[in-house]
Protein backbone atom coordinates (compact mmCIF):
# COMPACT_ATOMS: atom_id res chain seq x y z
CA MET A 1 0.00 0.00 0.00
CA LYS A 2 1.31 3.44 -0.92
CA VAL A 3 0.68 6.10 1.77
CA LYS A 4 1.44 9.78 1.22
CA LYS A 5 0.77 13.13 2.93
CA PHE A 6 -0.62 16.11 0.99
CA MET A 7 -1.06 19.74 2.06
CA ALA A 8 -2.79 22.76 0.50
CA PRO A 9 -4.71 25.86 1.68
CA THR A 10 -8.14 24.25 1.08
CA MET A 11 -9.65 20.77 0.91
CA PRO A 12 -10.53 20.99 -2.82
CA GLU A 13 -6.91 21.86 -3.63
CA VAL A 14 -5.68 18.95 -1.52
CA MET A 15 -8.05 16.56 -3.27
CA LYS A 16 -6.70 17.69 -6.66
CA LYS A 17 -3.19 16.83 -5.51
CA VAL A 18 -4.33 13.44 -4.22
CA ARG A 19 -6.07 12.53 -7.48
CA LYS A 20 -3.14 13.77 -9.57
CA ASP A 21 -0.59 11.74 -7.60
CA LEU A 22 -2.49 8.62 -6.56
CA GLY A 23 -5.44 8.59 -8.92
CA ASN A 24 -9.16 8.30 -8.36
CA ASP A 25 -8.86 5.06 -6.38
CA ALA A 26 -6.97 6.73 -3.51
CA VAL A 27 -8.45 6.36 -0.03
CA ILE A 28 -8.47 9.26 2.48
CA LEU A 29 -7.09 7.98 5.79
CA ASN A 30 -7.08 11.26 7.76
CA SER A 31 -7.56 15.00 7.34
CA LYS A 32 -6.96 17.97 9.63
CA VAL A 33 -6.32 21.72 9.65
CA VAL A 34 -2.76 22.77 10.48
CA TYR A 35 -1.07 26.16 10.86
CA THR A 36 2.44 26.79 9.60
CA GLY A 37 4.90 29.66 9.64
CA GLY A 38 3.97 32.89 11.37
CA PHE A 39 5.80 35.24 13.70
CA LEU A 40 5.47 35.24 17.50
CA GLY A 41 2.37 33.09 17.24
CA LEU A 42 0.67 35.45 14.78
CA PHE A 43 0.02 35.45 11.02
CA LYS A 44 0.20 31.67 10.74
CA LYS A 45 -0.83 30.20 7.42
CA ARG A 46 -3.83 27.89 7.54
CA ASN A 47 -3.55 24.65 5.55
CA THR A 48 -5.45 21.42 5.18
CA GLU A 49 -3.39 18.26 5.61
CA VAL A 50 -4.60 14.95 4.16
CA ILE A 51 -3.08 11.48 4.44
CA ALA A 52 -4.11 9.33 1.50
CA ALA A 53 -3.32 5.76 0.51
CA LEU A 54 -3.48 3.65 -2.61
CA ASP A 55 -3.61 -0.14 -2.70
CA PRO A 56 -2.22 -1.05 -6.12
CA GLN A 57 -4.47 -3.42 -8.01
CA PRO A 58 -2.78 -6.52 -9.39
CA SER A 59 -2.59 -6.55 -13.18
CA LYS A 60 -5.54 -8.31 -14.68
CA PRO A 61 -4.77 -11.62 -16.37
CA LYS A 62 -5.56 -11.94 -20.02
CA VAL A 63 -9.01 -13.39 -20.42
CA GLU A 64 -9.21 -16.30 -22.78
CA GLU A 65 -12.28 -17.48 -24.56
CA PRO A 66 -13.96 -20.00 -22.31
CA LYS A 67 -14.28 -23.50 -23.63
CA LYS A 68 -17.76 -24.64 -24.33
CA THR A 69 -18.23 -26.77 -21.30
CA ILE A 70 -21.12 -26.74 -18.92
CA ASN A 71 -19.01 -25.92 -15.77
CA THR A 72 -17.08 -22.78 -16.88
CA ALA A 73 -19.46 -20.10 -15.52
CA LYS A 74 -17.84 -17.39 -13.25
CA PRO A 75 -19.02 -16.94 -9.64
CA ALA A 76 -21.91 -14.53 -9.44
CA ASN A 77 -20.12 -11.97 -7.23
CA THR A 78 -16.94 -11.71 -9.37
CA THR A 79 -18.62 -9.46 -11.91
CA PHE A 80 -19.21 -6.71 -9.31
CA SER A 81 -15.93 -6.79 -7.33
CA VAL A 82 -14.19 -3.93 -9.19
CA GLU A 83 -17.31 -1.76 -9.25
CA ASP A 84 -17.91 -2.38 -5.52
CA ASN A 85 -14.34 -1.38 -4.74
CA LYS A 86 -14.71 1.91 -6.61
CA GLN A 87 -17.95 2.67 -4.78
CA GLN A 88 -16.30 1.95 -1.43
CA VAL A 89 -13.40 4.29 -2.25
CA LEU A 90 -15.87 7.00 -3.21
CA LEU A 91 -17.85 6.48 0.00
CA ASP A 92 -14.67 6.67 2.09
CA GLU A 93 -13.69 9.90 0.36
CA VAL A 94 -17.13 11.45 0.87
CA ARG A 95 -17.13 10.46 4.55
CA ALA A 96 -13.67 11.97 5.06
CA LEU A 97 -14.73 15.18 3.34
CA ARG A 98 -17.93 15.36 5.42
CA LYS A 99 -15.97 14.89 8.67
CA TRP A 100 -13.58 17.63 7.64
CA MET A 101 -16.45 20.00 6.83
CA GLU A 102 -18.16 19.28 10.15
CA LYS A 103 -14.91 19.84 11.99
CA THR A 104 -14.34 23.12 10.16
CA ASN A 105 -17.90 24.36 10.72
CA ASN A 106 -18.04 23.41 14.39
CA ASN A 107 -14.46 24.11 15.30
CA ASP A 108 -12.61 27.19 16.36
CA ASN A 109 -11.02 27.33 12.90
CA PHE A 110 -12.44 29.80 10.43
CA SER A 111 -10.69 31.34 7.50
CA PHE A 112 -10.02 35.09 7.78
CA PRO A 113 -7.07 37.22 6.68
CA ALA A 114 -4.17 36.55 9.07
CA THR A 115 -4.55 39.69 11.21
CA TYR A 116 -8.28 39.19 11.71
CA GLN A 117 -7.83 35.44 12.21
CA ALA A 118 -5.59 36.19 15.21
CA ILE A 119 -8.31 38.39 16.77
CA PHE A 120 -11.01 35.85 15.89
CA ASP A 121 -9.00 33.19 17.73
CA LEU A 122 -8.67 35.58 20.68
CA LEU A 123 -12.46 36.02 20.82
CA LEU A 124 -12.89 32.25 20.88
CA GLU A 125 -10.34 31.96 23.69
CA GLN A 126 -12.50 34.46 25.57
CA GLU A 127 -15.42 32.03 25.04
CA VAL A 128 -17.32 34.36 22.77
CA ASP A 129 -19.89 32.27 20.91
CA THR A 130 -18.45 31.16 17.56
CA GLU A 131 -21.29 32.64 15.51
CA ILE A 132 -21.07 35.96 17.35
CA ALA A 133 -17.30 36.07 16.85
CA LYS A 134 -17.70 35.32 13.13
CA GLU A 135 -20.29 38.07 12.79
CA LEU A 136 -18.10 40.64 14.57
CA VAL A 137 -15.08 39.95 12.37
CA THR A 138 -17.07 39.57 9.16
CA ASN A 139 -18.83 42.91 9.70
CA VAL A 140 -15.49 44.67 10.12
CA ILE A 141 -14.00 43.07 7.01
CA GLN A 142 -17.05 43.93 4.90
CA ASP A 143 -16.91 47.57 6.01
CA GLY A 144 -13.42 48.25 4.68
CA THR A 145 -10.22 47.04 3.10
CA THR A 146 -8.21 44.28 4.75
CA GLU A 147 -4.96 45.03 2.94
CA ASP A 148 -2.01 46.29 4.97
CA ILE A 149 -4.08 46.38 8.17
CA THR A 150 -1.96 46.30 11.31
CA TYR A 151 -2.90 44.17 14.29
CA GLN A 152 -3.42 47.34 16.33
CA HIS A 153 -5.79 48.77 13.71
CA ALA A 154 -7.72 45.50 13.55
CA GLN A 155 -7.98 45.47 17.36
CA GLN A 156 -9.55 48.92 17.33
CA GLN A 157 -11.97 47.94 14.56
CA ILE A 158 -13.21 44.91 16.48
CA LYS A 159 -13.47 46.94 19.68
CA ASN A 160 -15.62 49.51 17.88
CA GLU A 161 -17.80 46.75 16.42
CA ILE A 162 -18.37 45.24 19.88
CA ILE A 163 -19.26 48.68 21.27
CA ASN A 164 -21.67 49.35 18.38
CA LYS A 165 -23.41 46.01 18.95
CA LEU A 166 -23.75 46.54 22.72
CA ASN A 167 -24.87 50.15 22.39
CA ASP A 168 -28.31 48.87 21.40
CA PHE A 169 -28.86 47.89 25.05
CA ASP A 170 -29.00 49.71 28.38
CA PHE A 171 -25.68 49.72 30.23
CA GLY A 172 -24.80 51.38 33.53
CA GLY A 173 -25.96 51.43 37.13
CA ILE A 174 -29.21 52.20 38.95
CA THR A 175 -31.11 55.21 37.57
CA TYR A 176 -33.63 55.56 40.46
CA GLN A 177 -36.59 55.31 38.09
CA LYS A 178 -38.03 52.65 40.41
CA LYS A 179 -37.93 52.84 44.20
CA PHE A 180 -37.58 49.08 44.76
CA VAL A 181 -34.67 47.13 43.25
CA HIS A 182 -34.46 43.34 43.60
CA LEU A 183 -31.31 41.28 43.13
CA VAL A 184 -31.98 37.68 42.11
CA GLY A 185 -29.73 34.83 41.07
CA PRO A 186 -28.33 31.43 42.05
CA THR A 187 -26.52 30.72 45.27
CA GLY A 188 -22.87 31.57 45.64
CA VAL A 189 -22.66 34.44 43.15
CA GLY A 190 -22.24 37.15 45.81
CA LYS A 191 -25.66 38.84 45.85
CA THR A 192 -25.43 39.95 49.49
CA THR A 193 -22.00 41.55 49.09
CA THR A 194 -23.08 43.14 45.81
CA ILE A 195 -26.21 44.66 47.36
CA ALA A 196 -24.07 46.19 50.13
CA LYS A 197 -21.74 47.72 47.52
CA ILE A 198 -24.66 49.20 45.60
CA ALA A 199 -26.22 50.55 48.79
CA ALA A 200 -22.94 52.22 49.78
CA ASN A 201 -22.57 53.81 46.34
CA CYS A 202 -26.15 55.08 46.33
CA MET A 203 -25.66 56.66 49.73
CA LEU A 204 -22.07 57.92 49.55
CA ASN A 205 -21.78 58.89 45.88
CA ASP A 206 -25.37 59.84 44.97
CA GLY A 207 -26.53 61.08 48.38
CA LYS A 208 -29.65 58.91 48.35
CA LYS A 209 -31.69 57.73 51.32
CA VAL A 210 -31.28 53.93 51.23
CA ALA A 211 -33.01 51.01 52.95
CA LEU A 212 -32.55 47.25 52.75
CA ILE A 213 -34.92 44.27 52.75
CA THR A 214 -33.74 40.67 52.80
CA THR A 215 -35.84 37.61 51.99
CA ASP A 216 -32.84 35.30 52.20
CA THR A 217 -34.04 33.50 55.31
CA TYR A 218 -32.57 30.20 54.19
CA ARG A 219 -29.09 31.19 55.29
CA ILE A 220 -28.55 32.70 58.72
CA ALA A 221 -25.11 33.81 57.61
CA ALA A 222 -26.63 35.95 54.86
CA ILE A 223 -28.90 37.75 57.32
CA GLU A 224 -26.04 38.39 59.73
CA GLN A 225 -23.83 39.58 56.90
CA LEU A 226 -26.42 42.11 55.72
CA LYS A 227 -27.08 43.21 59.32
CA THR A 228 -23.38 43.98 59.65
CA TYR A 229 -23.39 46.04 56.46
CA SER A 230 -26.53 47.95 57.52
CA LYS A 231 -24.91 48.88 60.85
CA ILE A 232 -21.69 50.02 59.19
CA LEU A 233 -23.59 52.10 56.61
CA ASP A 234 -26.20 53.20 59.15
CA ILE A 235 -29.16 52.24 56.97
CA PRO A 236 -32.29 50.31 58.08
CA LEU A 237 -32.83 46.61 57.33
CA GLU A 238 -36.05 44.57 57.40
CA ILE A 239 -36.23 40.76 57.22
CA ALA A 240 -39.15 39.33 55.25
CA TYR A 241 -40.12 35.72 55.92
CA THR A 242 -43.43 35.91 54.08
CA MET A 243 -45.19 38.03 51.47
CA ASP A 244 -46.96 39.91 54.28
CA ASP A 245 -43.58 40.77 55.87
CA TYR A 246 -42.36 41.96 52.50
CA ARG A 247 -45.41 44.20 51.94
CA GLN A 248 -45.10 45.70 55.41
CA ALA A 249 -41.43 46.47 54.76
CA ARG A 250 -42.34 48.17 51.49
CA GLU A 251 -44.88 50.33 53.28
CA LYS A 252 -42.35 51.20 55.98
CA PHE A 253 -39.77 52.37 53.42
CA GLN A 254 -42.06 54.39 51.13
CA SER A 255 -40.28 57.62 52.06
CA TYR A 256 -36.84 56.30 51.01
CA ASP A 257 -35.21 57.08 47.66
CA ILE A 258 -34.14 53.52 46.97
CA VAL A 259 -34.92 50.18 48.64
CA LEU A 260 -32.61 47.28 47.77
CA VAL A 261 -34.04 43.77 48.20
CA ASP A 262 -31.75 40.78 48.70
CA THR A 263 -33.40 37.50 47.66
CA ALA A 264 -32.52 33.90 48.50
CA GLY A 265 -30.09 32.10 46.23
CA ARG A 266 -31.10 28.55 45.41
CA ASN A 267 -30.03 25.78 43.07
CA PHE A 268 -30.76 27.27 39.67
CA ARG A 269 -31.71 23.83 38.31
CA ASP A 270 -34.57 23.57 40.82
CA PRO A 271 -37.79 24.44 38.89
CA LYS A 272 -39.50 25.41 42.17
CA TYR A 273 -37.02 28.21 42.86
CA ILE A 274 -38.84 30.93 40.93
CA GLN A 275 -42.20 29.84 42.36
CA ALA A 276 -40.83 30.04 45.89
CA LEU A 277 -39.28 33.42 45.16
CA GLY A 278 -42.59 34.77 43.90
CA LYS A 279 -44.32 33.77 47.15
CA VAL A 280 -42.12 36.12 49.15
CA VAL A 281 -41.50 39.10 46.88
CA ASP A 282 -43.53 40.94 44.28
CA LEU A 283 -41.63 40.47 41.04
CA GLN A 284 -44.04 42.32 38.74
CA HIS A 285 -45.07 45.70 40.17
CA ASP A 286 -43.11 48.93 40.64
CA ILE A 287 -39.75 47.22 40.86
CA ASP A 288 -36.57 46.74 38.86
CA THR A 289 -35.01 43.30 38.97
CA TYR A 290 -31.33 42.67 38.32
CA LEU A 291 -30.00 39.17 37.69
CA VAL A 292 -26.65 38.56 39.42
CA LEU A 293 -24.31 36.08 37.73
CA SER A 294 -20.75 34.97 38.40
CA LEU A 295 -18.16 35.12 35.64
CA THR A 296 -16.61 31.95 37.06
CA THR A 297 -19.73 29.99 36.04
CA LYS A 298 -19.54 27.91 32.84
CA SER A 299 -20.92 29.63 29.75
CA THR A 300 -23.52 26.92 29.16
CA ASP A 301 -24.74 27.18 32.75
CA LEU A 302 -25.03 30.97 32.52
CA GLU A 303 -27.42 30.64 29.59
CA VAL A 304 -29.47 28.00 31.47
CA ILE A 305 -29.65 30.27 34.52
CA TYR A 306 -30.83 33.21 32.41
CA GLN A 307 -33.52 31.11 30.75
CA GLN A 308 -34.79 30.04 34.18
CA PHE A 309 -35.63 33.67 34.90
CA GLU A 310 -37.23 34.32 31.48
CA ASN A 311 -40.67 34.85 33.04
CA ILE A 312 -39.34 37.61 35.29
CA PRO A 313 -38.85 41.08 33.76
CA ILE A 314 -35.05 41.32 34.19
CA LYS A 315 -33.90 44.90 33.70
CA LYS A 316 -30.13 44.32 33.55
CA LEU A 317 -27.43 41.85 34.43
CA ILE A 318 -24.77 42.15 37.13
CA PHE A 319 -21.57 40.11 36.76
CA THR A 320 -19.49 39.31 39.84
CA LYS A 321 -16.00 37.86 40.40
CA LYS A 322 -14.37 39.65 37.49
CA ASP A 323 -11.07 39.33 39.37
CA GLU A 324 -11.34 35.53 39.54
CA THR A 325 -11.34 34.86 35.80
CA ALA A 326 -9.63 35.94 32.60
CA THR A 327 -12.59 34.96 30.40
CA TYR A 328 -15.23 37.59 29.65
CA GLY A 329 -16.94 36.34 26.48
CA PRO A 330 -20.11 35.21 28.31
CA ILE A 331 -20.93 38.89 28.99
CA VAL A 332 -21.26 39.55 25.27
CA ASN A 333 -22.97 36.22 24.61
CA LEU A 334 -25.76 36.85 27.12
CA ALA A 335 -26.18 40.50 26.18
CA LEU A 336 -26.46 39.94 22.43
CA LYS A 337 -28.47 36.70 22.53
CA ASN A 338 -31.00 38.02 25.04
CA LYS A 339 -30.90 41.72 24.08
CA ILE A 340 -30.13 42.92 27.59
CA GLY A 341 -27.66 45.37 29.12
CA VAL A 342 -25.28 45.10 32.06
CA ALA A 343 -25.45 47.29 35.17
CA TYR A 344 -22.34 46.47 37.21
CA LEU A 345 -19.15 44.44 37.30
CA THR A 346 -17.67 43.50 40.67
CA ASN A 347 -14.05 42.52 41.22
CA GLY A 348 -13.52 41.66 44.89
CA GLN A 349 -15.01 41.56 48.37
CA ASP A 350 -14.28 45.13 49.51
CA VAL A 351 -17.33 47.30 50.20
CA PRO A 352 -17.91 49.75 48.60
CA ASP A 353 -14.80 49.83 46.40
CA ASN A 354 -14.85 46.64 44.33
CA ILE A 355 -17.73 47.52 42.03
CA GLU A 356 -17.94 49.54 38.82
CA GLU A 357 -20.71 50.55 36.48
CA ALA A 358 -20.55 48.49 33.31
CA THR A 359 -19.72 50.27 30.05
CA THR A 360 -19.49 48.95 26.51
CA GLN A 361 -15.96 50.37 26.31
CA GLU A 362 -14.79 48.41 29.34
CA ILE A 363 -16.34 45.17 28.12
CA SER A 364 -14.69 45.53 24.71
CA ARG A 365 -11.37 46.16 26.48
CA LEU A 366 -11.79 43.05 28.61
CA LEU A 367 -12.34 40.97 25.48
CA ILE A 368 -9.70 42.41 23.16
CA GLY A 369 -7.22 43.86 25.64
CA GLU A 370 -5.21 47.04 25.42
CA LEU A 371 -4.14 48.13 21.95
CA SER A 372 -1.02 46.24 20.90
CA ASN A 373 1.94 47.43 18.91
CA VAL A 374 2.33 44.03 17.26
């Protein structure tokens, strides 16, 4: 058997080489995308590598005229052996090509000019959804020339495209349009600490009269934590065990500028969580609800969590634990897929310092980084 490796920029070009060298009976054993050349990890050339083989057919013996005897008939399956072999080779080739196409379509590999390919790969490393990353880069390429574009210029173009996409949604902190603001989300994302940071900012930076309500009666530690924050900030706190407690607390704080409500965090896969939440707090009237998510959560889980709250009118998202990860693509994924803005990003445990209002500029910087001189 003759086995040989072939390489070319695209699969059709590789297949031409295979047929030219080994003929139409060649069998594709393996195919993959490889990158060669480049400088400092950038501008690598994308190629398709194929390993093909050919099993030489023995020369056919000269066929003589059969003698006229009654037992000279050929076996029934001999007539179709050559044709069957050709069909099998063709099927193997089609299967190999299909696998390669599926790998290319579903993989992180996508063909762009070298400079943009490097940024596309960076977006994928940041766990930006593949289709979103393709759209961002494709839009930039379609809007202008790609010749002689520096990496720094391409960075700025992609940053601007991200900003333009996100500008369709509402970013930034509390606007005080609603008196009552609820923070909801799964357990362990840091809702209680986040609500204390927001309360401190509302009071110290905006000069607002602030009050707190907690319905997180499942965890004693959460109540004690919020009590500590309320004493330090000198703002009132009410604990609501039932819907009646919650309504009484709302009445008590009607004269305040902003009332922040901390809700219980539960297992986001529990379908009863939202029902239980709705029995304690009013999620529909005269309130803004912010969904708090952790950036250390897997991208797939973040989408599942968001969908769990689809029946609640979520105003904006809040992302915590920015300091505990280097991957920020899920912010863009959730915002663009669900057409929703982001209010805050938190990056530590310190109250009130480790919180910032989210901006499209900052999110684009987190994804692409500072402008490079490469």
